[in-house]
Amino acid sequence: MTEFVEGAGVALALDARGAGTPLLLVHDLAADSSAWAELVAALGGSARTLAYDRRGYGASGAPEPYERTTVQEQAEDARAVLAAAGVGGGAAGGDDAAAGGAV
């Protein structure tokens, strides 16, 4: 189920599922959190997955006018997702098509 959390000045769409060790899932450019659907299904609830739409992607908002984002904003958004989920630690996963896939 999608919920919205306040990032660094934008509403971020978050799909949190499962239990266990938290796993923050960050999608690649030109994608959204649905890119993680197969992984989330494969984990079958054995991990607490936190897949969110980065600012300007999917159901998440973006400031107006939106031209670009910074690493700092992205880090603050990720921190906001973790805080909203009550997570103080865990693991992170990302996807970078230029690097050949999931990292």
C-alpha atoms as a PDB file:
ATOM      1  CA  MET A   1       0.000   0.000   0.000  1.00  0.00           C
ATOM      2  CA  THR A   2       1.347   3.414  -0.953  1.00  0.00           C
ATOM      3  CA  GLU A   3       1.655   6.131   1.646  1.00  0.00           C
ATOM      4  CA  PHE A   4       3.145   9.589   1.334  1.00  0.00           C
ATOM      5  CA  VAL A   5       5.934  10.946   3.501  1.00  0.00           C
ATOM      6  CA  GLU A   6       7.372  14.454   3.550  1.00  0.00           C
ATOM      7  CA  GLY A   7      10.819  14.592   1.975  1.00  0.00           C
ATOM      8  CA  ALA A   8      12.966  17.689   1.594  1.00  0.00           C
ATOM      9  CA  GLY A   9      10.070  19.919   0.567  1.00  0.00           C
ATOM     10  CA  VAL A  10       8.164  17.306  -1.486  1.00  0.00           C
ATOM     11  CA  ALA A  11       5.720  14.456  -0.871  1.00  0.00           C
ATOM     12  CA  LEU A  12       7.374  11.088  -1.534  1.00  0.00           C
ATOM     13  CA  ALA A  13       5.355   7.978  -2.424  1.00  0.00           C
ATOM     14  CA  LEU A  14       6.453   5.032  -0.279  1.00  0.00           C
ATOM     15  CA  ASP A  15       5.486   1.367  -0.585  1.00  0.00           C
ATOM     16  CA  ALA A  16       6.511  -0.374   2.655  1.00  0.00           C
ATOM     17  CA  ARG A  17       6.012  -4.142   2.960  1.00  0.00           C
ATOM     18  CA  GLY A  18       7.092  -7.120   5.007  1.00  0.00           C
ATOM     19  CA  ALA A  19       8.947  -7.462   8.275  1.00  0.00           C
ATOM     20  CA  GLY A  20      12.485  -8.120   9.373  1.00  0.00           C
ATOM     21  CA  THR A  21      15.622  -6.263   8.365  1.00  0.00           C
ATOM     22  CA  PRO A  22      14.732  -2.973   6.637  1.00  0.00           C
ATOM     23  CA  LEU A  23      15.822  -2.705   2.999  1.00  0.00           C
ATOM     24  CA  LEU A  24      15.669   0.757   1.390  1.00  0.00           C
ATOM     25  CA  LEU A  25      15.171   0.396  -2.377  1.00  0.00           C
ATOM     26  CA  VAL A  26      16.165   3.353  -4.580  1.00  0.00           C
ATOM     27  CA  HIS A  27      15.237   3.215  -8.271  1.00  0.00           C
ATOM     28  CA  ASP A  28      17.282   4.332 -11.276  1.00  0.00           C
ATOM     29  CA  LEU A  29      16.598   7.325 -13.521  1.00  0.00           C
ATOM     30  CA  ALA A  30      13.540   7.074 -15.769  1.00  0.00           C
ATOM     31  CA  ALA A  31      11.933   4.514 -13.439  1.00  0.00           C
ATOM     32  CA  ASP A  32       9.848   4.408 -10.282  1.00  0.00           C
ATOM     33  CA  SER A  33       9.426   2.153  -7.275  1.00  0.00           C
ATOM     34  CA  SER A  34       7.581  -0.453  -9.353  1.00  0.00           C
ATOM     35  CA  ALA A  35      11.018  -1.442 -10.692  1.00  0.00           C
ATOM     36  CA  TRP A  36      11.406  -3.356  -7.414  1.00  0.00           C
ATOM     37  CA  ALA A  37       8.152  -5.349  -7.651  1.00  0.00           C
ATOM     38  CA  GLU A  38       9.830  -8.651  -8.557  1.00  0.00           C
ATOM     39  CA  LEU A  39      12.397  -8.361  -5.771  1.00  0.00           C
ATOM     40  CA  VAL A  40       9.755  -7.411  -3.212  1.00  0.00           C
ATOM     41  CA  ALA A  41       7.639 -10.403  -4.289  1.00  0.00           C
ATOM     42  CA  ALA A  42      10.651 -12.743  -4.194  1.00  0.00           C
ATOM     43  CA  LEU A  43      11.473 -11.668  -0.642  1.00  0.00           C
ATOM     44  CA  GLY A  44       7.954 -12.678   0.334  1.00  0.00           C
ATOM     45  CA  GLY A  45       7.836 -10.440   3.378  1.00  0.00           C
ATOM     46  CA  SER A  46      11.081 -11.807   4.875  1.00  0.00           C
ATOM     47  CA  ALA A  47      12.546  -8.289   4.788  1.00  0.00           C
ATOM     48  CA  ARG A  48      10.910  -4.929   5.423  1.00  0.00           C
ATOM     49  CA  THR A  49      11.149  -3.361   1.978  1.00  0.00           C
ATOM     50  CA  LEU A  50      10.908   0.415   1.642  1.00  0.00           C
ATOM     51  CA  ALA A  51      10.537   1.192  -2.065  1.00  0.00           C
ATOM     52  CA  TYR A  52       9.878   4.845  -2.789  1.00  0.00           C
ATOM     53  CA  ASP A  53       9.481   7.069  -5.842  1.00  0.00           C
ATOM     54  CA  ARG A  54      12.314   9.576  -5.954  1.00  0.00           C
ATOM     55  CA  ARG A  55      11.330  13.231  -6.278  1.00  0.00           C
ATOM     56  CA  GLY A  56       9.894  13.964  -9.720  1.00  0.00           C
ATOM     57  CA  TYR A  57       9.245  10.271 -10.499  1.00  0.00           C
ATOM     58  CA  GLY A  58       6.148   8.090 -10.212  1.00  0.00           C
ATOM     59  CA  ALA A  59       3.646   9.381  -7.681  1.00  0.00           C
ATOM     60  CA  SER A  60       6.143  11.577  -5.797  1.00  0.00           C
ATOM     61  CA  GLY A  61       6.028  15.317  -6.071  1.00  0.00           C
ATOM     62  CA  ALA A  62       8.612  17.757  -7.331  1.00  0.00           C
ATOM     63  CA  PRO A  63       9.216  21.415  -6.535  1.00  0.00           C
ATOM     64  CA  GLU A  64       8.124  23.946  -9.145  1.00  0.00           C
ATOM     65  CA  PRO A  65       9.890  24.722 -11.358  1.00  0.00           C
ATOM     66  CA  TYR A  66      11.723  21.392 -11.360  1.00  0.00           C
ATOM     67  CA  GLU A  67      14.908  21.268 -13.395  1.00  0.00           C
ATOM     68  CA  ARG A  68      17.221  18.963 -11.459  1.00  0.00           C
ATOM     69  CA  THR A  69      17.982  17.533  -8.051  1.00  0.00           C
ATOM     70  CA  THR A  70      21.099  17.389  -5.951  1.00  0.00           C
ATOM     71  CA  VAL A  71      22.813  14.551  -4.123  1.00  0.00           C
ATOM     72  CA  GLN A  72      22.026  16.403  -0.888  1.00  0.00           C
ATOM     73  CA  GLU A  73      18.289  16.490  -1.691  1.00  0.00           C
ATOM     74  CA  GLN A  74      18.325  12.803  -2.593  1.00  0.00           C
ATOM     75  CA  ALA A  75      20.078  11.949   0.684  1.00  0.00           C
ATOM     76  CA  GLU A  76      17.601  14.051   2.669  1.00  0.00           C
ATOM     77  CA  ASP A  77      14.695  12.338   0.906  1.00  0.00           C
ATOM     78  CA  ALA A  78      16.092   8.883   1.707  1.00  0.00           C
ATOM     79  CA  ARG A  79      16.601   9.927   5.326  1.00  0.00           C
ATOM     80  CA  ALA A  80      12.999  11.191   5.471  1.00  0.00           C
ATOM     81  CA  VAL A  81      11.705   7.850   4.161  1.00  0.00           C
ATOM     82  CA  LEU A  82      13.711   5.959   6.780  1.00  0.00           C
ATOM     83  CA  ALA A  83      12.576   8.293   9.567  1.00  0.00           C
ATOM     84  CA  ALA A  84       8.909   8.045   8.544  1.00  0.00           C
ATOM     85  CA  ALA A  85       9.210   4.258   8.602  1.00  0.00           C
ATOM     86  CA  GLY A  86      10.837   4.396  12.042  1.00  0.00           C
ATOM     87  CA  VAL A  87      14.051   2.857  10.759  1.00  0.00           C
ATOM     88  CA  GLY A  88      17.393   3.597  12.390  1.00  0.00           C
ATOM     89  CA  GLY A  89      19.456   1.103  10.409  1.00  0.00           C
ATOM     90  CA  GLY A  90      19.262  -1.615   7.803  1.00  0.00           C
ATOM     91  CA  ALA A  91      20.458  -2.131   4.266  1.00  0.00           C
ATOM     92  CA  ALA A  92      20.080  -0.243   0.998  1.00  0.00           C
ATOM     93  CA  GLY A  93      19.801  -1.368  -2.597  1.00  0.00           C
ATOM     94  CA  GLY A  94      19.818   0.609  -5.789  1.00  0.00           C
ATOM     95  CA  ASP A  95      19.601   0.180  -9.508  1.00  0.00           C
ATOM     96  CA  ASP A  96      21.826   1.824 -12.103  1.00  0.00           C
ATOM     97  CA  ALA A  97      21.255   0.715 -15.678  1.00  0.00           C
ATOM     98  CA  ALA A  98      24.531   2.322 -16.748  1.00  0.00           C
ATOM     99  CA  ALA A  99      26.354   0.125 -14.231  1.00  0.00           C
ATOM    100  CA  GLY A 100      24.610  -2.982 -15.501  1.00  0.00           C
ATOM    101  CA  GLY A 101      21.815  -3.414 -12.980  1.00  0.00           C
ATOM    102  CA  ALA A 102      21.203  -3.649  -9.282  1.00  0.00           C
ATOM    103  CA  VAL A 103      23.896  -2.519  -6.866  1.00  0.00           C
END
